[in-house]
Structure formats: structure tokens, C-alpha cells
Amino acid sequence: MPTASTTSPRKAKAGAKSAAKPAARKTARSRRGASAARNSTAAKSRRASTARTRALSEAQASIRQAETSTRESAGVFGDYAERAVLIPVGAALIARDRVFASVNDTISSYGSTSKAQAQLRRFERRGVTARNRVEREVRKTRVRVERELRQRRREIEKTVSELEDRRDAVAKNVPELANRVQERILSLV
């Protein structure tokens, strides 16, 4: 099985050129090779050091990020817990303020006998006004009902008198009709 050449065309040219060069150059190259070997060891050492430093800083960054996210999540839970405590406390304080305000209003309204009497007079006036309004409405309703009853009574009385008049007219005409009916029956027989 044929194998392909592992050297590139550039390396082949470089190899051909170097074979043509004198031996002095070979010693310089060997010195450079030794120095390059030293340089490559130092470069490897630097790369390794850089890689360790980078890995260390990345690890520290991930630790800081984990701590930050933990603090943030703990802060969120802390905020919820704080709200859960503060909401009922605030509601209780508002209720207390309202009770306190109503008690103060009551005390200011009835704090002395003159204030209490003035308040009682206000209540009495309000009661009198309400009573008068109800009495007025009752009177209006009674007058309206009585008026409607009178109108209906007049209509019924009028209808009854008309019926009586018709009955009387029929009663007057009954003897005359009876006489006429008898005369016709006799004339037919």
C-alpha cells in the first residue's frame, strides 16, 4: 500500500536549502535549536501558568456568581417574608387609627353636657323632620285614596240609577205589553 509523504513541500525546500549551506550555519542552527528548546520550555511553562491563572479566575468568578445568586434568592425570600409580616401589621395599625378617630369623634361630640345636649337637639330635629315627612306622605296617600273612592262611588251610583230608571221604564211598559200580547193572541185564535 503506498503511503503519502508526510513532509510538506515547504519543508522539503527548506531541507534542500539547508543541505546546500555550509557547516557553519549548521552549528548556528543547533545553537538556535538549543535556545528554541529552552524558549519552548519557558513558553510551555508560561502557557501552563496562564492556563492555571485563567482556570483559577474562572473558578473564582463562578463561585462569586453562585454566591450572588444565592444571596439574591435569599433576598427574594427575605422580601416575601418581610411583606408577609408587614401587611398584617399595617392593616392592624390602620384599623387602630380608625377606631381611635371614631372614639375621638364621639368624645368631641359628647365630651361636655352642652355638647351632648346640642347633639341630642340635632337628633330630635332630625326625628321631627322624618316624622313630619311620613305624616305628609300618609295624608297625601289618604286624600288620594278617598278621592278615588268618591269617584268610583259616583260612577257606581250613576250606573245603579240608570239601571233603576230602565227597570222602572220596563215596569211601566209591562202592562201595556201584556195587553198587546193578549190582543194579538185573541185575534189569532
C-alpha atoms as a PDB file:
ATOM      1  CA  MET A   1       0.000   0.000   0.000  1.00  0.00           C
ATOM      2  CA  PRO A   2       1.546   3.329  -0.997  1.00  0.00           C
ATOM      3  CA  THR A   3       1.916   5.963   1.699  1.00  0.00           C
ATOM      4  CA  ALA A   4       1.848   9.640   1.205  1.00  0.00           C
ATOM      5  CA  SER A   5       4.797  11.800   2.068  1.00  0.00           C
ATOM      6  CA  THR A   6       4.466  13.396   5.470  1.00  0.00           C
ATOM      7  CA  THR A   7       6.700  16.345   4.709  1.00  0.00           C
ATOM      8  CA  SER A   8       5.202  19.408   3.116  1.00  0.00           C
ATOM      9  CA  PRO A   9       6.696  20.999   0.004  1.00  0.00           C
ATOM     10  CA  ARG A  10       7.957  23.922   2.051  1.00  0.00           C
ATOM     11  CA  LYS A  11       9.851  21.701   4.434  1.00  0.00           C
ATOM     12  CA  ALA A  12      11.315  19.840   1.502  1.00  0.00           C
ATOM     13  CA  LYS A  13      12.622  23.115   0.047  1.00  0.00           C
ATOM     14  CA  ALA A  14      13.981  24.181   3.407  1.00  0.00           C
ATOM     15  CA  GLY A  15      15.718  20.835   3.778  1.00  0.00           C
ATOM     16  CA  ALA A  16      17.257  21.169   0.311  1.00  0.00           C
ATOM     17  CA  LYS A  17      18.489  24.654   1.049  1.00  0.00           C
ATOM     18  CA  SER A  18      19.951  23.669   4.371  1.00  0.00           C
ATOM     19  CA  ALA A  19      21.844  20.792   2.797  1.00  0.00           C
ATOM     20  CA  ALA A  20      23.453  23.256   0.457  1.00  0.00           C
ATOM     21  CA  LYS A  21      24.568  25.596   3.242  1.00  0.00           C
ATOM     22  CA  PRO A  22      27.933  25.317   4.835  1.00  0.00           C
ATOM     23  CA  ALA A  23      28.564  23.613   8.127  1.00  0.00           C
ATOM     24  CA  ALA A  24      28.931  26.908   9.978  1.00  0.00           C
ATOM     25  CA  ARG A  25      25.376  27.550   9.533  1.00  0.00           C
ATOM     26  CA  LYS A  26      24.561  24.145  10.950  1.00  0.00           C
ATOM     27  CA  THR A  27      26.267  24.987  14.224  1.00  0.00           C
ATOM     28  CA  ALA A  28      24.396  28.283  14.436  1.00  0.00           C
ATOM     29  CA  ARG A  29      21.179  26.430  13.826  1.00  0.00           C
ATOM     30  CA  SER A  30      21.983  23.932  16.517  1.00  0.00           C
ATOM     31  CA  ARG A  31      22.639  26.800  18.917  1.00  0.00           C
ATOM     32  CA  ARG A  32      19.323  28.329  17.903  1.00  0.00           C
ATOM     33  CA  GLY A  33      17.667  24.945  18.362  1.00  0.00           C
ATOM     34  CA  ALA A  34      19.017  24.714  21.888  1.00  0.00           C
ATOM     35  CA  SER A  35      17.834  28.203  22.587  1.00  0.00           C
ATOM     36  CA  ALA A  36      14.488  27.414  20.932  1.00  0.00           C
ATOM     37  CA  ALA A  37      14.228  24.330  23.108  1.00  0.00           C
ATOM     38  CA  ARG A  38      14.849  26.497  26.136  1.00  0.00           C
ATOM     39  CA  ASN A  39      12.355  29.042  24.806  1.00  0.00           C
ATOM     40  CA  SER A  40       9.754  26.366  24.125  1.00  0.00           C
ATOM     41  CA  THR A  41      10.130  25.053  27.693  1.00  0.00           C
ATOM     42  CA  ALA A  42       9.707  28.570  29.049  1.00  0.00           C
ATOM     43  CA  ALA A  43       6.747  29.115  26.714  1.00  0.00           C
ATOM     44  CA  LYS A  44       5.182  25.878  27.878  1.00  0.00           C
ATOM     45  CA  SER A  45       5.709  26.949  31.455  1.00  0.00           C
ATOM     46  CA  ARG A  46       4.143  30.365  30.756  1.00  0.00           C
ATOM     47  CA  ARG A  47       1.197  28.800  28.933  1.00  0.00           C
ATOM     48  CA  ALA A  48       0.657  26.397  31.813  1.00  0.00           C
ATOM     49  CA  SER A  49       0.881  29.237  34.320  1.00  0.00           C
ATOM     50  CA  THR A  50      -1.560  31.305  32.236  1.00  0.00           C
ATOM     51  CA  ALA A  51      -3.923  28.347  31.973  1.00  0.00           C
ATOM     52  CA  ARG A  52      -3.772  27.806  35.747  1.00  0.00           C
ATOM     53  CA  THR A  53      -4.374  31.504  36.375  1.00  0.00           C
ATOM     54  CA  ARG A  54      -7.279  31.530  33.916  1.00  0.00           C
ATOM     55  CA  ALA A  55      -8.782  28.394  35.480  1.00  0.00           C
ATOM     56  CA  LEU A  56      -8.380  29.888  38.936  1.00  0.00           C
ATOM     57  CA  SER A  57     -10.025  33.180  37.946  1.00  0.00           C
ATOM     58  CA  GLU A  58     -12.857  31.322  36.188  1.00  0.00           C
ATOM     59  CA  ALA A  59     -13.414  29.206  39.277  1.00  0.00           C
ATOM     60  CA  GLN A  60     -13.442  32.292  41.477  1.00  0.00           C
ATOM     61  CA  ALA A  61     -15.879  34.023  39.100  1.00  0.00           C
ATOM     62  CA  SER A  62     -18.226  31.037  39.153  1.00  0.00           C
ATOM     63  CA  ILE A  63     -18.019  30.946  42.966  1.00  0.00           C
ATOM     64  CA  ARG A  64     -18.822  34.677  43.125  1.00  0.00           C
ATOM     65  CA  GLN A  65     -21.727  34.179  40.714  1.00  0.00           C
ATOM     66  CA  ALA A  66     -23.078  31.267  42.794  1.00  0.00           C
ATOM     67  CA  GLU A  67     -22.777  33.358  45.969  1.00  0.00           C
ATOM     68  CA  THR A  68     -24.522  36.293  44.277  1.00  0.00           C
ATOM     69  CA  SER A  69     -27.388  34.132  43.013  1.00  0.00           C
ATOM     70  CA  THR A  70     -27.706  32.544  46.453  1.00  0.00           C
ATOM     71  CA  ARG A  71     -27.776  35.987  48.057  1.00  0.00           C
ATOM     72  CA  GLU A  72     -30.326  37.207  45.500  1.00  0.00           C
ATOM     73  CA  SER A  73     -32.618  34.205  46.013  1.00  0.00           C
ATOM     74  CA  ALA A  74     -32.261  34.567  49.763  1.00  0.00           C
ATOM     75  CA  GLY A  75     -33.046  38.260  49.335  1.00  0.00           C
ATOM     76  CA  VAL A  76     -36.182  37.439  47.344  1.00  0.00           C
ATOM     77  CA  PHE A  77     -37.373  35.005  50.011  1.00  0.00           C
ATOM     78  CA  GLY A  78     -36.481  37.581  52.648  1.00  0.00           C
ATOM     79  CA  ASP A  79     -38.552  40.198  50.822  1.00  0.00           C
ATOM     80  CA  TYR A  80     -41.554  37.854  50.690  1.00  0.00           C
ATOM     81  CA  ALA A  81     -41.185  37.007  54.364  1.00  0.00           C
ATOM     82  CA  GLU A  82     -40.905  40.680  55.226  1.00  0.00           C
ATOM     83  CA  ARG A  83     -44.038  41.503  53.231  1.00  0.00           C
ATOM     84  CA  ALA A  84     -45.902  38.643  54.909  1.00  0.00           C
ATOM     85  CA  VAL A  85     -45.140  40.229  58.282  1.00  0.00           C
ATOM     86  CA  LEU A  86     -45.592  43.890  57.339  1.00  0.00           C
ATOM     87  CA  ILE A  87     -49.010  43.576  55.626  1.00  0.00           C
ATOM     88  CA  PRO A  88     -50.940  42.392  58.727  1.00  0.00           C
ATOM     89  CA  VAL A  89     -49.068  44.866  60.908  1.00  0.00           C
ATOM     90  CA  GLY A  90     -50.055  47.714  58.594  1.00  0.00           C
ATOM     91  CA  ALA A  91     -53.690  46.542  58.446  1.00  0.00           C
ATOM     92  CA  ALA A  92     -53.848  46.383  62.253  1.00  0.00           C
ATOM     93  CA  LEU A  93     -52.399  49.894  62.553  1.00  0.00           C
ATOM     94  CA  ILE A  94     -54.905  51.305  60.065  1.00  0.00           C
ATOM     95  CA  ALA A  95     -57.800  49.643  61.930  1.00  0.00           C
ATOM     96  CA  ARG A  96     -56.457  51.031  65.214  1.00  0.00           C
ATOM     97  CA  ASP A  97     -56.267  54.543  63.704  1.00  0.00           C
ATOM     98  CA  ARG A  98     -59.877  54.312  62.506  1.00  0.00           C
ATOM     99  CA  VAL A  99     -61.116  53.147  65.908  1.00  0.00           C
ATOM    100  CA  PHE A 100     -59.111  55.881  67.569  1.00  0.00           C
ATOM    101  CA  ALA A 101     -60.573  58.515  65.211  1.00  0.00           C
ATOM    102  CA  SER A 102     -64.159  57.349  65.829  1.00  0.00           C
ATOM    103  CA  VAL A 103     -63.608  57.357  69.607  1.00  0.00           C
ATOM    104  CA  ASN A 104     -62.156  60.865  69.372  1.00  0.00           C
ATOM    105  CA  ASP A 105     -65.157  62.000  67.322  1.00  0.00           C
ATOM    106  CA  THR A 106     -67.531  60.542  69.911  1.00  0.00           C
ATOM    107  CA  ILE A 107     -65.624  62.153  72.755  1.00  0.00           C
ATOM    108  CA  SER A 108     -65.584  65.501  70.966  1.00  0.00           C
ATOM    109  CA  SER A 109     -69.348  65.216  70.295  1.00  0.00           C
ATOM    110  CA  TYR A 110     -70.339  64.207  73.837  1.00  0.00           C
ATOM    111  CA  GLY A 111     -67.391  65.466  75.881  1.00  0.00           C
ATOM    112  CA  SER A 112     -69.396  68.003  77.860  1.00  0.00           C
ATOM    113  CA  THR A 113     -73.061  68.376  78.829  1.00  0.00           C
ATOM    114  CA  SER A 114     -73.570  71.315  76.496  1.00  0.00           C
ATOM    115  CA  LYS A 115     -72.152  69.369  73.554  1.00  0.00           C
ATOM    116  CA  ALA A 116     -74.260  66.328  74.447  1.00  0.00           C
ATOM    117  CA  GLN A 117     -77.412  68.473  74.702  1.00  0.00           C
ATOM    118  CA  ALA A 118     -76.648  70.137  71.354  1.00  0.00           C
ATOM    119  CA  GLN A 119     -76.202  66.693  69.787  1.00  0.00           C
ATOM    120  CA  LEU A 120     -79.493  65.493  71.315  1.00  0.00           C
ATOM    121  CA  ARG A 121     -81.282  68.568  69.918  1.00  0.00           C
ATOM    122  CA  ARG A 122     -79.876  67.747  66.482  1.00  0.00           C
ATOM    123  CA  PHE A 123     -81.167  64.194  66.788  1.00  0.00           C
ATOM    124  CA  GLU A 124     -84.590  65.484  67.888  1.00  0.00           C
ATOM    125  CA  ARG A 125     -84.811  67.895  64.940  1.00  0.00           C
ATOM    126  CA  ARG A 126     -83.892  65.112  62.597  1.00  0.00           C
ATOM    127  CA  GLY A 127     -86.572  62.872  64.142  1.00  0.00           C
ATOM    128  CA  VAL A 128     -89.205  65.612  63.890  1.00  0.00           C
ATOM    129  CA  THR A 129     -88.316  66.198  60.247  1.00  0.00           C
ATOM    130  CA  ALA A 130     -88.620  62.484  59.475  1.00  0.00           C
ATOM    131  CA  ARG A 131     -91.957  62.225  61.352  1.00  0.00           C
ATOM    132  CA  ASN A 132     -93.385  65.265  59.518  1.00  0.00           C
ATOM    133  CA  ARG A 133     -92.308  63.825  56.181  1.00  0.00           C
ATOM    134  CA  VAL A 134     -94.010  60.494  56.938  1.00  0.00           C
ATOM    135  CA  GLU A 135     -97.214  62.239  58.150  1.00  0.00           C
ATOM    136  CA  ARG A 136     -97.271  64.357  54.998  1.00  0.00           C
ATOM    137  CA  GLU A 137     -96.925  61.272  52.809  1.00  0.00           C
ATOM    138  CA  VAL A 138     -99.675  59.484  54.757  1.00  0.00           C
ATOM    139  CA  ARG A 139    -102.012  62.489  54.359  1.00  0.00           C
ATOM    140  CA  LYS A 140    -101.323  62.680  50.631  1.00  0.00           C
ATOM    141  CA  THR A 141    -101.975  58.965  50.247  1.00  0.00           C
ATOM    142  CA  ARG A 142    -105.217  59.159  52.305  1.00  0.00           C
ATOM    143  CA  VAL A 143    -106.519  62.112  50.286  1.00  0.00           C
ATOM    144  CA  ARG A 144    -105.711  60.353  47.015  1.00  0.00           C
ATOM    145  CA  VAL A 145    -107.417  57.112  48.113  1.00  0.00           C
ATOM    146  CA  GLU A 146    -110.508  58.993  49.372  1.00  0.00           C
ATOM    147  CA  ARG A 147    -110.742  60.915  46.099  1.00  0.00           C
ATOM    148  CA  GLU A 148    -110.534  57.689  44.066  1.00  0.00           C
ATOM    149  CA  LEU A 149    -113.205  56.076  46.295  1.00  0.00           C
ATOM    150  CA  ARG A 150    -115.545  59.054  45.835  1.00  0.00           C
ATOM    151  CA  GLN A 151    -115.089  58.917  42.078  1.00  0.00           C
ATOM    152  CA  ARG A 152    -115.801  55.187  41.983  1.00  0.00           C
ATOM    153  CA  ARG A 153    -118.838  55.604  44.286  1.00  0.00           C
ATOM    154  CA  ARG A 154    -120.239  58.313  41.977  1.00  0.00           C
ATOM    155  CA  GLU A 155    -119.727  56.083  38.939  1.00  0.00           C
ATOM    156  CA  ILE A 156    -121.433  53.131  40.668  1.00  0.00           C
ATOM    157  CA  GLU A 157    -124.319  55.296  41.897  1.00  0.00           C
ATOM    158  CA  LYS A 158    -124.773  56.699  38.402  1.00  0.00           C
ATOM    159  CA  THR A 159    -124.800  53.188  36.912  1.00  0.00           C
ATOM    160  CA  VAL A 160    -127.293  51.985  39.569  1.00  0.00           C
ATOM    161  CA  SER A 161    -129.641  54.952  38.962  1.00  0.00           C
ATOM    162  CA  GLU A 162    -129.533  54.293  35.211  1.00  0.00           C
ATOM    163  CA  LEU A 163    -130.413  50.630  35.846  1.00  0.00           C
ATOM    164  CA  GLU A 164    -133.285  51.675  38.162  1.00  0.00           C
ATOM    165  CA  ASP A 165    -134.587  54.068  35.517  1.00  0.00           C
ATOM    166  CA  ARG A 166    -134.572  51.266  32.939  1.00  0.00           C
ATOM    167  CA  ARG A 167    -136.304  48.919  35.354  1.00  0.00           C
ATOM    168  CA  ASP A 168    -138.986  51.497  36.056  1.00  0.00           C
ATOM    169  CA  ALA A 169    -139.449  52.092  32.338  1.00  0.00           C
ATOM    170  CA  VAL A 170    -139.780  48.376  31.723  1.00  0.00           C
ATOM    171  CA  ALA A 171    -142.187  48.029  34.676  1.00  0.00           C
ATOM    172  CA  LYS A 172    -144.406  50.786  33.219  1.00  0.00           C
ATOM    173  CA  ASN A 173    -144.394  49.118  29.828  1.00  0.00           C
ATOM    174  CA  VAL A 174    -145.096  45.590  31.094  1.00  0.00           C
ATOM    175  CA  PRO A 175    -148.901  46.049  31.498  1.00  0.00           C
ATOM    176  CA  GLU A 176    -149.149  47.691  28.075  1.00  0.00           C
ATOM    177  CA  LEU A 177    -147.089  44.916  26.521  1.00  0.00           C
ATOM    178  CA  ALA A 178    -149.171  42.279  28.267  1.00  0.00           C
ATOM    179  CA  ASN A 179    -152.360  43.858  26.872  1.00  0.00           C
ATOM    180  CA  ARG A 180    -150.908  43.957  23.356  1.00  0.00           C
ATOM    181  CA  VAL A 181    -149.774  40.334  23.567  1.00  0.00           C
ATOM    182  CA  GLN A 182    -153.249  39.263  24.737  1.00  0.00           C
ATOM    183  CA  GLU A 183    -154.922  41.193  21.929  1.00  0.00           C
ATOM    184  CA  ARG A 184    -152.762  39.561  19.326  1.00  0.00           C
ATOM    185  CA  ILE A 185    -153.294  36.110  20.723  1.00  0.00           C
ATOM    186  CA  LEU A 186    -157.063  36.664  20.748  1.00  0.00           C
ATOM    187  CA  SER A 187    -157.005  37.968  17.230  1.00  0.00           C
ATOM    188  CA  LEU A 188    -155.191  34.923  16.072  1.00  0.00           C
ATOM    189  CA  VAL A 189    -157.496  32.449  17.713  1.00  0.00           C
END
